[in-house]
């Protein structure tokens, strides 16, 4: 049996198809639609009509692709870019009409919980008490737990794309005072949750998300072609050195660095600020990179909800509480 998830984020709309006949979902095909929706939002966070239409067309194309691969169930969900849009009901309706899909609006806390679920399954019980960090375009998720369900899961509006848009003006690279202001904001919003997690003394610190994977590659981690089972780490000391270099370079030159894609070069500096500041607040010197994240968490949750004898009720059609 094949199942799929359609993840609508700030930068991309990504389809992931997996075989679900075994104990874990095994990805067999992915498609990425680079819409960069965050570039289209107005001052109130509203997506204009043309952006909604592009999103609906991408969802329809993904649905057609999923059908061609024999997917029996496609779950579509959206995170901060749609969650915070004043016209999100219009977006949900456009996707329903154009693609025939019920788009779920995932809460930030649920995003953190499902990402933690995926990371825990990948890392296994050897990880012990575990803290998770995920840096998206619109939000940052932090979670801590000793089991498959986190004891603490939070989402804060500190995404790399959001910070870049809201705090880095036309100067490229931004002046040092802007970087200091962003770091102060990160500390202010994460101070309490990181203090609580620090008190819990996590055994393992795990990183997910494209931003953190690219920063790890910049800091010397193995390239993706070596496969998902190659251990990869993001070291705080090396990140501090690379952060200094990123702060000196304009976005066009950041795109020439190892691991930094042209599409994410503009927000790489903000992502590095969030990563380094959060690691410092957590008092962790290294993050272990996990190839599974939110999409895999949604797949695992969906499969277990549908499994014979599963307890609990399926997720509601439009919202992920």
C-alpha atoms as a PDB file:
ATOM      1  CA  UNK A   1       0.000   0.000   0.000  1.00  0.00           C
ATOM      2  CA  UNK A   2       1.243   3.455  -0.847  1.00  0.00           C
ATOM      3  CA  UNK A   3       0.373   6.609   1.070  1.00  0.00           C
ATOM      4  CA  UNK A   4       1.430  10.202   0.632  1.00  0.00           C
ATOM      5  CA  UNK A   5       1.714  13.519   2.428  1.00  0.00           C
ATOM      6  CA  UNK A   6       1.578  16.978   0.894  1.00  0.00           C
ATOM      7  CA  UNK A   7       3.425  19.541   3.019  1.00  0.00           C
ATOM      8  CA  UNK A   8       2.641  23.210   2.276  1.00  0.00           C
ATOM      9  CA  UNK A   9       5.329  25.410   3.773  1.00  0.00           C
ATOM     10  CA  UNK A  10       6.705  28.913   3.443  1.00  0.00           C
ATOM     11  CA  UNK A  11       9.184  28.064   0.690  1.00  0.00           C
ATOM     12  CA  UNK A  12       8.031  24.860  -0.945  1.00  0.00           C
ATOM     13  CA  UNK A  13       5.112  22.530  -1.416  1.00  0.00           C
ATOM     14  CA  UNK A  14       6.513  19.021  -1.116  1.00  0.00           C
ATOM     15  CA  UNK A  15       4.900  15.685  -1.919  1.00  0.00           C
ATOM     16  CA  UNK A  16       6.303  12.569  -0.254  1.00  0.00           C
ATOM     17  CA  UNK A  17       5.119   9.097  -1.221  1.00  0.00           C
ATOM     18  CA  UNK A  18       5.919   6.065   0.905  1.00  0.00           C
ATOM     19  CA  UNK A  19       5.327   2.329   0.964  1.00  0.00           C
ATOM     20  CA  UNK A  20       3.360   1.548   4.098  1.00  0.00           C
ATOM     21  CA  UNK A  21       3.274  -2.248   4.105  1.00  0.00           C
ATOM     22  CA  UNK A  22       6.076  -2.678   6.642  1.00  0.00           C
ATOM     23  CA  UNK A  23       6.715  -1.543  10.181  1.00  0.00           C
ATOM     24  CA  UNK A  24       7.765   1.945   9.063  1.00  0.00           C
ATOM     25  CA  UNK A  25       6.871   4.103   6.041  1.00  0.00           C
ATOM     26  CA  UNK A  26       9.604   3.834   3.411  1.00  0.00           C
ATOM     27  CA  UNK A  27       9.820   6.870   1.067  1.00  0.00           C
ATOM     28  CA  UNK A  28       9.841   5.930  -2.606  1.00  0.00           C
ATOM     29  CA  UNK A  29       9.244   9.243  -4.382  1.00  0.00           C
ATOM     30  CA  UNK A  30       9.289  12.965  -3.649  1.00  0.00           C
ATOM     31  CA  UNK A  31       8.312  16.012  -5.689  1.00  0.00           C
ATOM     32  CA  UNK A  32       9.028  19.623  -4.750  1.00  0.00           C
ATOM     33  CA  UNK A  33       7.118  22.675  -6.011  1.00  0.00           C
ATOM     34  CA  UNK A  34       9.110  25.795  -5.177  1.00  0.00           C
ATOM     35  CA  UNK A  35       6.399  28.458  -4.730  1.00  0.00           C
ATOM     36  CA  UNK A  36       8.117  30.721  -2.162  1.00  0.00           C
ATOM     37  CA  UNK A  37       4.747  31.751  -0.761  1.00  0.00           C
ATOM     38  CA  UNK A  38       6.403  33.809   1.973  1.00  0.00           C
ATOM     39  CA  UNK A  39       7.555  36.275  -0.696  1.00  0.00           C
ATOM     40  CA  UNK A  40       3.938  36.941  -1.684  1.00  0.00           C
ATOM     41  CA  UNK A  41       2.268  37.693   1.649  1.00  0.00           C
ATOM     42  CA  UNK A  42       1.177  41.240   2.370  1.00  0.00           C
ATOM     43  CA  UNK A  43       1.798  43.193   5.571  1.00  0.00           C
ATOM     44  CA  UNK A  44      -1.074  41.365   7.309  1.00  0.00           C
ATOM     45  CA  UNK A  45       0.103  37.902   6.241  1.00  0.00           C
ATOM     46  CA  UNK A  46      -2.598  37.485   3.599  1.00  0.00           C
ATOM     47  CA  UNK A  47      -1.823  35.468   0.489  1.00  0.00           C
ATOM     48  CA  UNK A  48      -2.992  37.322  -2.641  1.00  0.00           C
ATOM     49  CA  UNK A  49      -5.321  35.735  -5.171  1.00  0.00           C
ATOM     50  CA  UNK A  50      -2.569  34.809  -7.626  1.00  0.00           C
ATOM     51  CA  UNK A  51      -0.560  33.049  -4.886  1.00  0.00           C
ATOM     52  CA  UNK A  52      -3.634  31.114  -3.742  1.00  0.00           C
ATOM     53  CA  UNK A  53      -4.188  30.014  -7.340  1.00  0.00           C
ATOM     54  CA  UNK A  54      -0.572  28.874  -7.707  1.00  0.00           C
ATOM     55  CA  UNK A  55      -0.888  26.916  -4.474  1.00  0.00           C
ATOM     56  CA  UNK A  56      -4.114  25.245  -5.602  1.00  0.00           C
ATOM     57  CA  UNK A  57      -2.510  24.327  -8.948  1.00  0.00           C
ATOM     58  CA  UNK A  58       0.495  22.799  -7.187  1.00  0.00           C
ATOM     59  CA  UNK A  59      -1.839  20.773  -4.941  1.00  0.00           C
ATOM     60  CA  UNK A  60      -3.706  19.512  -8.010  1.00  0.00           C
ATOM     61  CA  UNK A  61      -0.439  18.541  -9.705  1.00  0.00           C
ATOM     62  CA  UNK A  62       0.684  16.733  -6.546  1.00  0.00           C
ATOM     63  CA  UNK A  63      -2.614  14.863  -6.340  1.00  0.00           C
ATOM     64  CA  UNK A  64      -2.241  13.753  -9.951  1.00  0.00           C
ATOM     65  CA  UNK A  65       1.351  12.669  -9.309  1.00  0.00           C
ATOM     66  CA  UNK A  66       0.274  10.711  -6.232  1.00  0.00           C
ATOM     67  CA  UNK A  67      -2.428   8.906  -8.207  1.00  0.00           C
ATOM     68  CA  UNK A  68       0.096   7.942 -10.891  1.00  0.00           C
ATOM     69  CA  UNK A  69       2.189   6.293  -8.174  1.00  0.00           C
ATOM     70  CA  UNK A  70      -0.758   4.312  -6.832  1.00  0.00           C
ATOM     71  CA  UNK A  71      -1.237   6.302  -3.632  1.00  0.00           C
ATOM     72  CA  UNK A  72      -4.403   5.191  -1.857  1.00  0.00           C
ATOM     73  CA  UNK A  73      -4.484   8.036   0.677  1.00  0.00           C
ATOM     74  CA  UNK A  74      -2.982  11.510   0.379  1.00  0.00           C
ATOM     75  CA  UNK A  75      -2.885  13.735   3.464  1.00  0.00           C
ATOM     76  CA  UNK A  76      -2.421  17.449   2.774  1.00  0.00           C
ATOM     77  CA  UNK A  77      -1.445  19.861   5.533  1.00  0.00           C
ATOM     78  CA  UNK A  78      -0.190  23.423   5.862  1.00  0.00           C
ATOM     79  CA  UNK A  79       1.964  25.058   8.516  1.00  0.00           C
ATOM     80  CA  UNK A  80       2.666  28.674   9.524  1.00  0.00           C
ATOM     81  CA  UNK A  81       2.342  30.338   6.110  1.00  0.00           C
ATOM     82  CA  UNK A  82      -1.320  29.301   5.825  1.00  0.00           C
ATOM     83  CA  UNK A  83      -2.048  28.971   9.541  1.00  0.00           C
ATOM     84  CA  UNK A  84      -1.394  32.673  10.102  1.00  0.00           C
ATOM     85  CA  UNK A  85      -3.013  33.949   6.901  1.00  0.00           C
ATOM     86  CA  UNK A  86      -6.232  35.939   7.529  1.00  0.00           C
ATOM     87  CA  UNK A  87      -7.650  34.360   4.340  1.00  0.00           C
ATOM     88  CA  UNK A  88      -6.795  30.754   5.269  1.00  0.00           C
ATOM     89  CA  UNK A  89     -10.414  29.638   4.754  1.00  0.00           C
ATOM     90  CA  UNK A  90     -10.172  30.903   1.176  1.00  0.00           C
ATOM     91  CA  UNK A  91      -6.982  28.893   0.708  1.00  0.00           C
ATOM     92  CA  UNK A  92      -8.571  25.721   2.105  1.00  0.00           C
ATOM     93  CA  UNK A  93     -11.557  26.161  -0.214  1.00  0.00           C
ATOM     94  CA  UNK A  94      -9.350  26.808  -3.276  1.00  0.00           C
ATOM     95  CA  UNK A  95      -7.398  23.608  -2.655  1.00  0.00           C
ATOM     96  CA  UNK A  96     -10.619  21.667  -2.175  1.00  0.00           C
ATOM     97  CA  UNK A  97     -12.126  22.953  -5.418  1.00  0.00           C
ATOM     98  CA  UNK A  98      -9.012  22.710  -7.584  1.00  0.00           C
ATOM     99  CA  UNK A  99      -7.412  19.536  -6.207  1.00  0.00           C
ATOM    100  CA  UNK A 100     -10.217  17.773  -4.345  1.00  0.00           C
ATOM    101  CA  UNK A 101      -8.077  17.654  -1.204  1.00  0.00           C
ATOM    102  CA  UNK A 102      -9.060  18.482   2.370  1.00  0.00           C
ATOM    103  CA  UNK A 103      -6.247  20.766   3.523  1.00  0.00           C
ATOM    104  CA  UNK A 104      -5.486  20.501   7.235  1.00  0.00           C
ATOM    105  CA  UNK A 105      -4.179  23.550   9.057  1.00  0.00           C
ATOM    106  CA  UNK A 106      -1.631  22.284  11.551  1.00  0.00           C
ATOM    107  CA  UNK A 107      -1.114  24.120  14.815  1.00  0.00           C
ATOM    108  CA  UNK A 108       2.421  24.958  15.850  1.00  0.00           C
ATOM    109  CA  UNK A 109       2.268  22.704  18.881  1.00  0.00           C
ATOM    110  CA  UNK A 110       1.023  19.793  16.781  1.00  0.00           C
ATOM    111  CA  UNK A 111       3.845  20.445  14.340  1.00  0.00           C
ATOM    112  CA  UNK A 112       6.333  20.115  17.206  1.00  0.00           C
ATOM    113  CA  UNK A 113       4.675  16.944  18.514  1.00  0.00           C
ATOM    114  CA  UNK A 114       4.654  15.137  15.174  1.00  0.00           C
ATOM    115  CA  UNK A 115       8.217  16.158  14.348  1.00  0.00           C
ATOM    116  CA  UNK A 116       9.291  14.817  17.736  1.00  0.00           C
ATOM    117  CA  UNK A 117       7.409  11.574  17.038  1.00  0.00           C
ATOM    118  CA  UNK A 118       9.319  11.079  13.778  1.00  0.00           C
ATOM    119  CA  UNK A 119      12.681  11.914  15.318  1.00  0.00           C
ATOM    120  CA  UNK A 120      12.072   9.564  18.243  1.00  0.00           C
ATOM    121  CA  UNK A 121      11.207   6.704  15.880  1.00  0.00           C
ATOM    122  CA  UNK A 122      14.348   7.325  13.859  1.00  0.00           C
ATOM    123  CA  UNK A 123      16.690   7.793  16.822  1.00  0.00           C
ATOM    124  CA  UNK A 124      15.228   4.939  18.877  1.00  0.00           C
ATOM    125  CA  UNK A 125      15.107   4.517  22.614  1.00  0.00           C
ATOM    126  CA  UNK A 126      18.907   4.698  22.852  1.00  0.00           C
ATOM    127  CA  UNK A 127      18.472   8.483  22.601  1.00  0.00           C
ATOM    128  CA  UNK A 128      17.029   8.608  26.123  1.00  0.00           C
ATOM    129  CA  UNK A 129      15.581  11.963  27.243  1.00  0.00           C
ATOM    130  CA  UNK A 130      15.660  13.922  23.987  1.00  0.00           C
ATOM    131  CA  UNK A 131      15.364  17.550  22.929  1.00  0.00           C
ATOM    132  CA  UNK A 132      14.368  18.427  19.369  1.00  0.00           C
ATOM    133  CA  UNK A 133      15.002  21.628  17.392  1.00  0.00           C
ATOM    134  CA  UNK A 134      13.341  22.339  14.033  1.00  0.00           C
ATOM    135  CA  UNK A 135      13.803  25.666  12.214  1.00  0.00           C
ATOM    136  CA  UNK A 136      11.244  26.335   9.496  1.00  0.00           C
ATOM    137  CA  UNK A 137      10.565  29.336   7.335  1.00  0.00           C
ATOM    138  CA  UNK A 138       7.817  30.765   9.553  1.00  0.00           C
ATOM    139  CA  UNK A 139       8.289  29.140  12.950  1.00  0.00           C
ATOM    140  CA  UNK A 140      10.672  27.240  15.195  1.00  0.00           C
ATOM    141  CA  UNK A 141       9.616  24.090  17.026  1.00  0.00           C
ATOM    142  CA  UNK A 142      11.246  22.869  20.232  1.00  0.00           C
ATOM    143  CA  UNK A 143      10.200  19.689  22.022  1.00  0.00           C
ATOM    144  CA  UNK A 144      11.469  17.516  24.861  1.00  0.00           C
ATOM    145  CA  UNK A 145      10.451  14.074  26.021  1.00  0.00           C
ATOM    146  CA  UNK A 146      11.442  10.698  27.406  1.00  0.00           C
ATOM    147  CA  UNK A 147       9.019   8.630  25.332  1.00  0.00           C
ATOM    148  CA  UNK A 148       7.375   8.797  21.907  1.00  0.00           C
ATOM    149  CA  UNK A 149       5.124  11.629  23.084  1.00  0.00           C
ATOM    150  CA  UNK A 150       6.888  14.850  24.114  1.00  0.00           C
ATOM    151  CA  UNK A 151       6.473  16.147  27.644  1.00  0.00           C
ATOM    152  CA  UNK A 152       6.926  19.673  26.304  1.00  0.00           C
ATOM    153  CA  UNK A 153       6.267  20.946  22.776  1.00  0.00           C
ATOM    154  CA  UNK A 154       6.242  24.586  21.706  1.00  0.00           C
ATOM    155  CA  UNK A 155       6.245  26.611  18.515  1.00  0.00           C
ATOM    156  CA  UNK A 156       7.485  30.197  18.341  1.00  0.00           C
ATOM    157  CA  UNK A 157       7.409  32.698  15.430  1.00  0.00           C
ATOM    158  CA  UNK A 158      11.172  32.679  14.863  1.00  0.00           C
ATOM    159  CA  UNK A 159      11.376  31.020  11.448  1.00  0.00           C
ATOM    160  CA  UNK A 160      14.425  31.889   9.346  1.00  0.00           C
ATOM    161  CA  UNK A 161      12.352  33.400   6.550  1.00  0.00           C
ATOM    162  CA  UNK A 162      10.166  35.397   8.928  1.00  0.00           C
ATOM    163  CA  UNK A 163      13.136  36.912  10.799  1.00  0.00           C
ATOM    164  CA  UNK A 164      14.820  37.802   7.513  1.00  0.00           C
ATOM    165  CA  UNK A 165      11.722  39.594   6.191  1.00  0.00           C
ATOM    166  CA  UNK A 166      10.856  41.367   9.430  1.00  0.00           C
ATOM    167  CA  UNK A 167      14.293  42.391  10.700  1.00  0.00           C
ATOM    168  CA  UNK A 168      16.835  42.452   7.897  1.00  0.00           C
ATOM    169  CA  UNK A 169      16.256  45.516   5.757  1.00  0.00           C
ATOM    170  CA  UNK A 170      17.646  46.384   2.335  1.00  0.00           C
ATOM    171  CA  UNK A 171      21.266  46.315   3.539  1.00  0.00           C
ATOM    172  CA  UNK A 172      22.897  43.048   2.452  1.00  0.00           C
ATOM    173  CA  UNK A 173      24.562  41.892   4.610  1.00  0.00           C
ATOM    174  CA  UNK A 174      22.632  43.490   7.481  1.00  0.00           C
ATOM    175  CA  UNK A 175      24.529  45.715   9.953  1.00  0.00           C
ATOM    176  CA  UNK A 176      25.734  44.255  13.287  1.00  0.00           C
ATOM    177  CA  UNK A 177      23.098  46.101  15.330  1.00  0.00           C
ATOM    178  CA  UNK A 178      20.319  44.290  13.460  1.00  0.00           C
ATOM    179  CA  UNK A 179      21.955  40.946  14.177  1.00  0.00           C
ATOM    180  CA  UNK A 180      22.188  41.820  17.866  1.00  0.00           C
ATOM    181  CA  UNK A 181      18.507  42.817  17.911  1.00  0.00           C
ATOM    182  CA  UNK A 182      17.483  39.506  16.341  1.00  0.00           C
ATOM    183  CA  UNK A 183      19.584  37.544  18.814  1.00  0.00           C
ATOM    184  CA  UNK A 184      17.927  39.431  21.704  1.00  0.00           C
ATOM    185  CA  UNK A 185      14.494  38.547  20.323  1.00  0.00           C
ATOM    186  CA  UNK A 186      15.434  34.871  20.058  1.00  0.00           C
ATOM    187  CA  UNK A 187      16.696  34.846  23.636  1.00  0.00           C
ATOM    188  CA  UNK A 188      13.571  36.586  24.892  1.00  0.00           C
ATOM    189  CA  UNK A 189      11.149  34.170  23.215  1.00  0.00           C
ATOM    190  CA  UNK A 190      13.042  30.967  24.012  1.00  0.00           C
ATOM    191  CA  UNK A 191      14.440  31.790  27.457  1.00  0.00           C
ATOM    192  CA  UNK A 192      11.739  30.100  29.540  1.00  0.00           C
ATOM    193  CA  UNK A 193      11.302  26.925  27.491  1.00  0.00           C
ATOM    194  CA  UNK A 194      15.052  26.356  27.154  1.00  0.00           C
ATOM    195  CA  UNK A 195      15.529  26.879  30.910  1.00  0.00           C
ATOM    196  CA  UNK A 196      12.942  24.164  31.574  1.00  0.00           C
ATOM    197  CA  UNK A 197      14.593  21.746  29.135  1.00  0.00           C
ATOM    198  CA  UNK A 198      18.054  22.488  30.515  1.00  0.00           C
ATOM    199  CA  UNK A 199      16.766  21.518  33.964  1.00  0.00           C
ATOM    200  CA  UNK A 200      15.588  18.178  32.504  1.00  0.00           C
ATOM    201  CA  UNK A 201      19.155  17.384  31.354  1.00  0.00           C
ATOM    202  CA  UNK A 202      18.435  15.783  27.951  1.00  0.00           C
ATOM    203  CA  UNK A 203      20.715  12.932  26.923  1.00  0.00           C
ATOM    204  CA  UNK A 204      20.416  13.604  23.180  1.00  0.00           C
ATOM    205  CA  UNK A 205      19.870  16.798  21.168  1.00  0.00           C
ATOM    206  CA  UNK A 206      18.385  16.302  17.706  1.00  0.00           C
ATOM    207  CA  UNK A 207      17.972  18.645  14.739  1.00  0.00           C
ATOM    208  CA  UNK A 208      15.568  18.384  11.830  1.00  0.00           C
ATOM    209  CA  UNK A 209      14.558  20.745   8.983  1.00  0.00           C
ATOM    210  CA  UNK A 210      16.280  21.785   5.755  1.00  0.00           C
ATOM    211  CA  UNK A 211      17.783  24.880   7.385  1.00  0.00           C
ATOM    212  CA  UNK A 212      19.665  22.860  10.008  1.00  0.00           C
ATOM    213  CA  UNK A 213      20.763  20.232   7.484  1.00  0.00           C
ATOM    214  CA  UNK A 214      22.245  22.948   5.264  1.00  0.00           C
ATOM    215  CA  UNK A 215      24.002  24.583   8.205  1.00  0.00           C
ATOM    216  CA  UNK A 216      25.441  21.215   9.220  1.00  0.00           C
ATOM    217  CA  UNK A 217      26.769  20.713   5.697  1.00  0.00           C
ATOM    218  CA  UNK A 218      28.310  24.192   5.838  1.00  0.00           C
ATOM    219  CA  UNK A 219      29.996  23.169   9.088  1.00  0.00           C
ATOM    220  CA  UNK A 220      31.519  20.036   7.584  1.00  0.00           C
ATOM    221  CA  UNK A 221      28.850  17.322   7.843  1.00  0.00           C
ATOM    222  CA  UNK A 222      28.741  14.651   5.154  1.00  0.00           C
ATOM    223  CA  UNK A 223      26.832  15.515   1.949  1.00  0.00           C
ATOM    224  CA  UNK A 224      23.395  14.063   1.296  1.00  0.00           C
ATOM    225  CA  UNK A 225      24.696  11.686  -1.396  1.00  0.00           C
ATOM    226  CA  UNK A 226      26.241   9.557   1.360  1.00  0.00           C
ATOM    227  CA  UNK A 227      22.747   8.507   2.411  1.00  0.00           C
ATOM    228  CA  UNK A 228      20.469   8.934   5.421  1.00  0.00           C
ATOM    229  CA  UNK A 229      22.289   6.444   7.657  1.00  0.00           C
ATOM    230  CA  UNK A 230      25.537   8.425   7.695  1.00  0.00           C
ATOM    231  CA  UNK A 231      25.890  10.133  11.097  1.00  0.00           C
ATOM    232  CA  UNK A 232      25.810  13.914  10.845  1.00  0.00           C
ATOM    233  CA  UNK A 233      26.282  16.531  13.538  1.00  0.00           C
ATOM    234  CA  UNK A 234      26.068  20.297  13.867  1.00  0.00           C
ATOM    235  CA  UNK A 235      28.755  21.502  16.287  1.00  0.00           C
ATOM    236  CA  UNK A 236      28.099  24.750  18.120  1.00  0.00           C
ATOM    237  CA  UNK A 237      31.702  25.912  18.031  1.00  0.00           C
ATOM    238  CA  UNK A 238      31.996  25.427  14.275  1.00  0.00           C
ATOM    239  CA  UNK A 239      28.612  27.059  13.757  1.00  0.00           C
ATOM    240  CA  UNK A 240      29.830  30.144  15.632  1.00  0.00           C
ATOM    241  CA  UNK A 241      32.737  30.440  13.200  1.00  0.00           C
ATOM    242  CA  UNK A 242      30.502  30.022  10.166  1.00  0.00           C
ATOM    243  CA  UNK A 243      27.961  32.462  11.581  1.00  0.00           C
ATOM    244  CA  UNK A 244      30.661  35.125  11.607  1.00  0.00           C
ATOM    245  CA  UNK A 245      31.402  34.370   7.950  1.00  0.00           C
ATOM    246  CA  UNK A 246      27.720  34.382   6.954  1.00  0.00           C
ATOM    247  CA  UNK A 247      27.284  37.781   8.630  1.00  0.00           C
ATOM    248  CA  UNK A 248      29.996  39.276   6.428  1.00  0.00           C
ATOM    249  CA  UNK A 249      28.641  37.999   3.106  1.00  0.00           C
ATOM    250  CA  UNK A 250      25.721  39.176   0.965  1.00  0.00           C
ATOM    251  CA  UNK A 251      23.117  36.539   0.093  1.00  0.00           C
ATOM    252  CA  UNK A 252      24.518  35.960  -3.413  1.00  0.00           C
ATOM    253  CA  UNK A 253      27.885  34.969  -1.955  1.00  0.00           C
ATOM    254  CA  UNK A 254      26.356  32.817   0.780  1.00  0.00           C
ATOM    255  CA  UNK A 255      24.811  30.721  -2.011  1.00  0.00           C
ATOM    256  CA  UNK A 256      28.324  29.743  -3.104  1.00  0.00           C
ATOM    257  CA  UNK A 257      29.148  28.164   0.259  1.00  0.00           C
ATOM    258  CA  UNK A 258      28.968  24.384   0.795  1.00  0.00           C
ATOM    259  CA  UNK A 259      25.435  23.234   1.581  1.00  0.00           C
ATOM    260  CA  UNK A 260      23.721  26.618   1.203  1.00  0.00           C
ATOM    261  CA  UNK A 261      21.231  26.525  -1.656  1.00  0.00           C
ATOM    262  CA  UNK A 262      20.489  29.698  -3.658  1.00  0.00           C
ATOM    263  CA  UNK A 263      16.826  29.446  -2.611  1.00  0.00           C
ATOM    264  CA  UNK A 264      17.739  29.591   1.100  1.00  0.00           C
ATOM    265  CA  UNK A 265      20.853  31.768   0.986  1.00  0.00           C
ATOM    266  CA  UNK A 266      18.860  34.877   1.938  1.00  0.00           C
ATOM    267  CA  UNK A 267      17.613  33.320   5.168  1.00  0.00           C
ATOM    268  CA  UNK A 268      20.710  31.266   6.024  1.00  0.00           C
ATOM    269  CA  UNK A 269      22.067  33.993   8.303  1.00  0.00           C
ATOM    270  CA  UNK A 270      18.858  34.215  10.334  1.00  0.00           C
ATOM    271  CA  UNK A 271      18.703  30.418  10.531  1.00  0.00           C
ATOM    272  CA  UNK A 272      22.265  30.299  11.847  1.00  0.00           C
ATOM    273  CA  UNK A 273      21.423  32.945  14.468  1.00  0.00           C
ATOM    274  CA  UNK A 274      18.448  30.919  15.684  1.00  0.00           C
ATOM    275  CA  UNK A 275      20.415  27.675  15.730  1.00  0.00           C
ATOM    276  CA  UNK A 276      23.444  29.049  17.568  1.00  0.00           C
ATOM    277  CA  UNK A 277      21.432  31.075  20.100  1.00  0.00           C
ATOM    278  CA  UNK A 278      19.114  28.150  20.859  1.00  0.00           C
ATOM    279  CA  UNK A 279      22.015  25.727  21.280  1.00  0.00           C
ATOM    280  CA  UNK A 280      23.640  28.211  23.676  1.00  0.00           C
ATOM    281  CA  UNK A 281      20.426  28.614  25.670  1.00  0.00           C
ATOM    282  CA  UNK A 282      20.029  24.829  25.856  1.00  0.00           C
ATOM    283  CA  UNK A 283      23.705  24.438  26.775  1.00  0.00           C
ATOM    284  CA  UNK A 284      24.227  21.777  24.110  1.00  0.00           C
ATOM    285  CA  UNK A 285      27.483  21.626  22.167  1.00  0.00           C
ATOM    286  CA  UNK A 286      26.232  19.409  19.342  1.00  0.00           C
ATOM    287  CA  UNK A 287      23.009  18.525  17.509  1.00  0.00           C
ATOM    288  CA  UNK A 288      22.589  15.153  15.828  1.00  0.00           C
ATOM    289  CA  UNK A 289      20.897  15.488  12.448  1.00  0.00           C
ATOM    290  CA  UNK A 290      17.794  13.361  11.862  1.00  0.00           C
ATOM    291  CA  UNK A 291      16.540  12.710   8.303  1.00  0.00           C
ATOM    292  CA  UNK A 292      12.964  12.190   9.491  1.00  0.00           C
ATOM    293  CA  UNK A 293      10.858  15.216  10.388  1.00  0.00           C
ATOM    294  CA  UNK A 294       7.291  16.509  10.148  1.00  0.00           C
ATOM    295  CA  UNK A 295       6.200  14.680   6.987  1.00  0.00           C
ATOM    296  CA  UNK A 296       7.339  11.338   8.370  1.00  0.00           C
ATOM    297  CA  UNK A 297       5.623  12.149  11.669  1.00  0.00           C
ATOM    298  CA  UNK A 298       2.348  12.761   9.830  1.00  0.00           C
ATOM    299  CA  UNK A 299       2.761   9.475   7.931  1.00  0.00           C
ATOM    300  CA  UNK A 300       3.453   7.508  11.111  1.00  0.00           C
ATOM    301  CA  UNK A 301       0.505   9.106  12.907  1.00  0.00           C
ATOM    302  CA  UNK A 302      -1.884   8.500  10.020  1.00  0.00           C
ATOM    303  CA  UNK A 303      -0.861   4.861   9.624  1.00  0.00           C
ATOM    304  CA  UNK A 304      -1.188   4.127  13.319  1.00  0.00           C
ATOM    305  CA  UNK A 305      -4.592   5.832  13.489  1.00  0.00           C
ATOM    306  CA  UNK A 306      -5.834   3.673  10.614  1.00  0.00           C
ATOM    307  CA  UNK A 307      -4.288   0.451  11.892  1.00  0.00           C
ATOM    308  CA  UNK A 308      -6.701  -2.267  13.109  1.00  0.00           C
ATOM    309  CA  UNK A 309      -7.270  -1.949  16.821  1.00  0.00           C
ATOM    310  CA  UNK A 310      -5.800   1.552  17.021  1.00  0.00           C
ATOM    311  CA  UNK A 311      -7.215   3.650  19.816  1.00  0.00           C
ATOM    312  CA  UNK A 312      -8.219   7.284  19.494  1.00  0.00           C
ATOM    313  CA  UNK A 313      -9.985   9.075  16.709  1.00  0.00           C
ATOM    314  CA  UNK A 314      -8.516  10.229  13.400  1.00  0.00           C
ATOM    315  CA  UNK A 315      -7.314  13.787  13.054  1.00  0.00           C
ATOM    316  CA  UNK A 316     -10.062  16.270  12.175  1.00  0.00           C
ATOM    317  CA  UNK A 317     -10.382  17.054   8.450  1.00  0.00           C
ATOM    318  CA  UNK A 318      -9.295  20.688   8.486  1.00  0.00           C
ATOM    319  CA  UNK A 319      -7.252  21.253  11.607  1.00  0.00           C
ATOM    320  CA  UNK A 320      -4.508  19.444  13.460  1.00  0.00           C
ATOM    321  CA  UNK A 321      -4.968  20.455  17.104  1.00  0.00           C
END
